[in-house]
Amino acid sequence: MRLLIDFFPIALFVVAYKMHDIYVATAVLMGATVVQTALIYGIDRRLQTLQKVTLLLVLVFGTLTLLLQDERFIKWKPTVMYASMAIVLGAALWVWKKNFLQMLLSSQLKLPDGVWARLTVAWVLYFLFMAGLNAYVAAYFSTEAWVNFKLWGYIFPVLFLVGQGLYVARHLKEEPSTEKP
């Protein structure tokens, strides 16, 4: 269910682009992201920082795209978002000696500190990879190719999350059993 909620703004964006143009698609993306954020808030009764940042960037870059009639803004939004996330996670880990990933998820996952550090480095590298890949496609390919990349490029986060899940599963600490033999 959550994957569908995460995917539907991109799917609607692609459909709107194929039926109309990048500007209609951008407006659809903005509206769909607002609806997505409201749905997540309705389910969880709170929003994570990444969800707030995503909404803000979609609205800011979407507004710039529509007002200036310049598709470069919406095409570069993912690069800005991914690079920002990499910088924040990396600076927190290496400069401030804080592990934001661990701070956000440690209540849900019990992992050794070294595993948290490796996970954070993996996320930093993933975000840098995605920022670079989006920048490359946005700069050197047509808008049509970039839109197709947005749809089919969704495989990258899915593969990354599956890999993270497999890695984390090996390191989960087992909870002591409360049953008596």
Protein backbone atom coordinates (compact mmCIF):
# COMPACT_ATOMS: atom_id res chain seq x y z
CA MET A 1 0.00 0.00 0.00
CA ARG A 2 2.75 2.44 0.98
CA LEU A 3 4.62 1.72 -2.27
CA LEU A 4 1.49 2.64 -4.24
CA ILE A 5 1.10 5.88 -2.29
CA ASP A 6 4.77 6.68 -2.96
CA PHE A 7 4.52 5.81 -6.66
CA PHE A 8 1.25 7.45 -7.68
CA PRO A 9 2.52 11.08 -8.06
CA ILE A 10 5.21 9.89 -10.48
CA ALA A 11 2.74 7.70 -12.37
CA LEU A 12 0.26 10.58 -12.70
CA PHE A 13 3.09 12.89 -13.76
CA VAL A 14 4.09 10.51 -16.56
CA VAL A 15 0.49 10.01 -17.72
CA ALA A 16 -0.14 13.78 -17.74
CA TYR A 17 3.09 14.34 -19.68
CA LYS A 18 2.19 11.69 -22.28
CA MET A 19 -1.32 13.16 -22.69
CA HIS A 20 -0.37 16.85 -22.57
CA ASP A 21 3.03 18.42 -21.85
CA ILE A 22 5.61 19.02 -19.13
CA TYR A 23 3.69 21.98 -17.70
CA VAL A 24 0.42 20.12 -17.23
CA ALA A 25 2.43 17.21 -15.86
CA THR A 26 4.17 19.52 -13.39
CA ALA A 27 0.82 20.87 -12.14
CA VAL A 28 -0.47 17.30 -11.80
CA LEU A 29 2.68 16.32 -9.89
CA MET A 30 2.21 19.23 -7.52
CA GLY A 31 -1.41 18.32 -6.82
CA ALA A 32 -0.66 14.60 -6.52
CA THR A 33 2.17 15.29 -4.07
CA VAL A 34 -0.15 17.37 -1.91
CA VAL A 35 -2.70 14.52 -1.94
CA GLN A 36 0.06 11.97 -1.24
CA THR A 37 1.29 14.01 1.73
CA ALA A 38 -2.26 14.32 3.07
CA LEU A 39 -2.78 10.55 2.73
CA ILE A 40 0.45 9.80 4.57
CA TYR A 41 -0.48 12.26 7.28
CA GLY A 42 -3.95 10.71 7.52
CA ILE A 43 -2.46 7.24 7.96
CA ASP A 44 0.50 8.06 10.24
CA ARG A 45 -0.78 11.26 11.89
CA ARG A 46 2.67 12.74 11.27
CA LEU A 47 5.08 13.44 8.41
CA GLN A 48 8.72 12.48 8.24
CA THR A 49 11.27 15.15 7.35
CA LEU A 50 11.86 13.63 3.91
CA GLN A 51 8.14 13.85 3.12
CA LYS A 52 8.05 17.51 4.14
CA VAL A 53 11.18 18.30 2.11
CA THR A 54 9.81 16.46 -0.92
CA LEU A 55 6.54 18.40 -0.76
CA LEU A 56 8.37 21.70 -0.36
CA LEU A 57 10.74 21.03 -3.27
CA VAL A 58 7.96 19.83 -5.57
CA LEU A 59 5.92 22.94 -4.82
CA VAL A 60 8.85 25.37 -5.13
CA PHE A 61 10.41 23.85 -8.27
CA GLY A 62 6.97 23.19 -9.77
CA THR A 63 5.92 26.80 -9.21
CA LEU A 64 9.14 28.05 -10.79
CA THR A 65 8.60 25.71 -13.74
CA LEU A 66 5.07 26.96 -14.29
CA LEU A 67 5.66 30.67 -13.66
CA LEU A 68 8.82 30.89 -15.75
CA GLN A 69 7.67 28.29 -18.31
CA ASP A 70 11.07 26.61 -17.93
CA GLU A 71 11.10 22.84 -17.61
CA ARG A 72 14.65 22.81 -16.26
CA PHE A 73 13.39 23.57 -12.75
CA ILE A 74 11.23 20.45 -12.42
CA LYS A 75 13.90 18.32 -14.11
CA TRP A 76 16.57 19.43 -11.62
CA LYS A 77 14.38 19.09 -8.51
CA PRO A 78 15.38 15.43 -7.90
CA THR A 79 19.06 16.30 -8.21
CA VAL A 80 18.72 19.05 -5.62
CA MET A 81 16.75 16.78 -3.29
CA TYR A 82 19.14 13.82 -3.57
CA ALA A 83 22.24 15.96 -3.22
CA SER A 84 20.77 17.76 -0.21
CA MET A 85 19.97 14.47 1.51
CA ALA A 86 23.50 13.19 0.86
CA ILE A 87 25.02 16.39 2.25
CA VAL A 88 22.85 16.36 5.37
CA LEU A 89 23.46 12.68 6.16
CA GLY A 90 27.18 12.93 5.37
CA ALA A 91 27.75 16.15 7.30
CA ALA A 92 25.82 14.81 10.28
CA LEU A 93 27.87 11.62 10.32
CA TRP A 94 31.34 12.98 9.59
CA VAL A 95 31.22 16.57 10.84
CA TRP A 96 28.74 16.59 13.72
CA LYS A 97 29.31 12.92 14.66
CA LYS A 98 25.55 12.28 14.61
CA ASN A 99 23.86 9.48 12.75
CA PHE A 100 20.53 10.90 11.59
CA LEU A 101 19.47 7.58 10.07
CA GLN A 102 20.01 5.87 13.41
CA MET A 103 18.22 8.69 15.24
CA LEU A 104 15.21 8.34 12.95
CA LEU A 105 14.96 4.56 12.83
CA SER A 106 16.52 3.16 16.01
CA SER A 107 13.14 2.89 17.71
CA GLN A 108 12.06 0.52 14.92
CA LEU A 109 15.35 -1.33 14.32
CA LYS A 110 17.87 -2.52 16.89
CA LEU A 111 21.22 -2.59 15.13
CA PRO A 112 24.85 -2.25 16.24
CA ASP A 113 26.39 1.23 15.79
CA GLY A 114 28.76 -0.03 13.08
CA VAL A 115 25.84 -1.29 11.01
CA TRP A 116 24.10 2.07 11.39
CA ALA A 117 27.27 3.82 10.19
CA ARG A 118 27.55 1.53 7.14
CA LEU A 119 23.86 2.01 6.35
CA THR A 120 24.28 5.78 6.49
CA VAL A 121 27.30 5.66 4.18
CA ALA A 122 25.29 3.47 1.80
CA TRP A 123 22.46 6.02 1.83
CA VAL A 124 24.90 8.89 1.20
CA LEU A 125 26.37 7.01 -1.78
CA TYR A 126 22.92 6.09 -3.06
CA PHE A 127 21.73 9.71 -2.86
CA LEU A 128 24.89 10.91 -4.66
CA PHE A 129 24.41 8.25 -7.35
CA MET A 130 20.78 9.26 -7.87
CA ALA A 131 21.65 12.98 -7.89
CA GLY A 132 24.34 12.38 -10.51
CA LEU A 133 22.17 10.10 -12.60
CA ASN A 134 19.25 12.54 -12.63
CA ALA A 135 21.59 15.45 -13.43
CA TYR A 136 23.09 13.50 -16.33
CA VAL A 137 19.70 12.53 -17.79
CA ALA A 138 18.26 16.04 -17.24
CA ALA A 139 21.26 17.70 -18.89
CA TYR A 140 21.98 15.39 -21.83
CA PHE A 141 18.66 13.82 -22.78
CA SER A 142 15.35 15.11 -24.07
CA THR A 143 12.47 15.87 -21.75
CA GLU A 144 10.72 12.78 -23.11
CA ALA A 145 13.69 10.59 -22.14
CA TRP A 146 13.88 12.25 -18.71
CA VAL A 147 10.18 11.59 -18.07
CA ASN A 148 10.65 7.94 -19.10
CA PHE A 149 13.65 7.77 -16.79
CA LYS A 150 11.48 9.09 -13.93
CA LEU A 151 9.08 6.19 -14.49
CA TRP A 152 11.52 3.36 -15.18
CA GLY A 153 14.18 4.80 -12.88
CA TYR A 154 11.88 3.94 -9.98
CA ILE A 155 13.59 0.54 -10.07
CA PHE A 156 16.71 2.08 -8.46
CA PRO A 157 15.09 2.92 -5.11
CA VAL A 158 13.24 -0.40 -5.10
CA LEU A 159 16.49 -2.34 -5.65
CA PHE A 160 18.33 -0.22 -3.10
CA LEU A 161 15.64 -0.74 -0.46
CA VAL A 162 15.56 -4.50 -1.09
CA GLY A 163 19.36 -4.58 -0.72
CA GLN A 164 19.13 -2.55 2.48
CA GLY A 165 16.46 -4.91 3.81
CA LEU A 166 18.61 -7.96 3.11
CA TYR A 167 21.62 -6.32 4.77
CA VAL A 168 19.65 -5.19 7.82
CA ALA A 169 18.01 -8.60 8.23
CA ARG A 170 21.44 -10.18 8.78
CA HIS A 171 22.16 -7.80 11.65
CA LEU A 172 18.88 -7.56 13.52
CA LYS A 173 19.27 -8.40 17.17
CA GLU A 174 16.87 -11.06 18.30
CA GLU A 175 14.58 -10.07 21.13
CA PRO A 176 14.77 -12.42 24.12
CA SER A 177 11.83 -14.79 24.26
CA THR A 178 9.28 -14.11 26.98
CA GLU A 179 7.91 -17.64 26.80
CA LYS A 180 8.91 -20.16 29.45
CA PRO A 181 9.76 -23.67 28.27
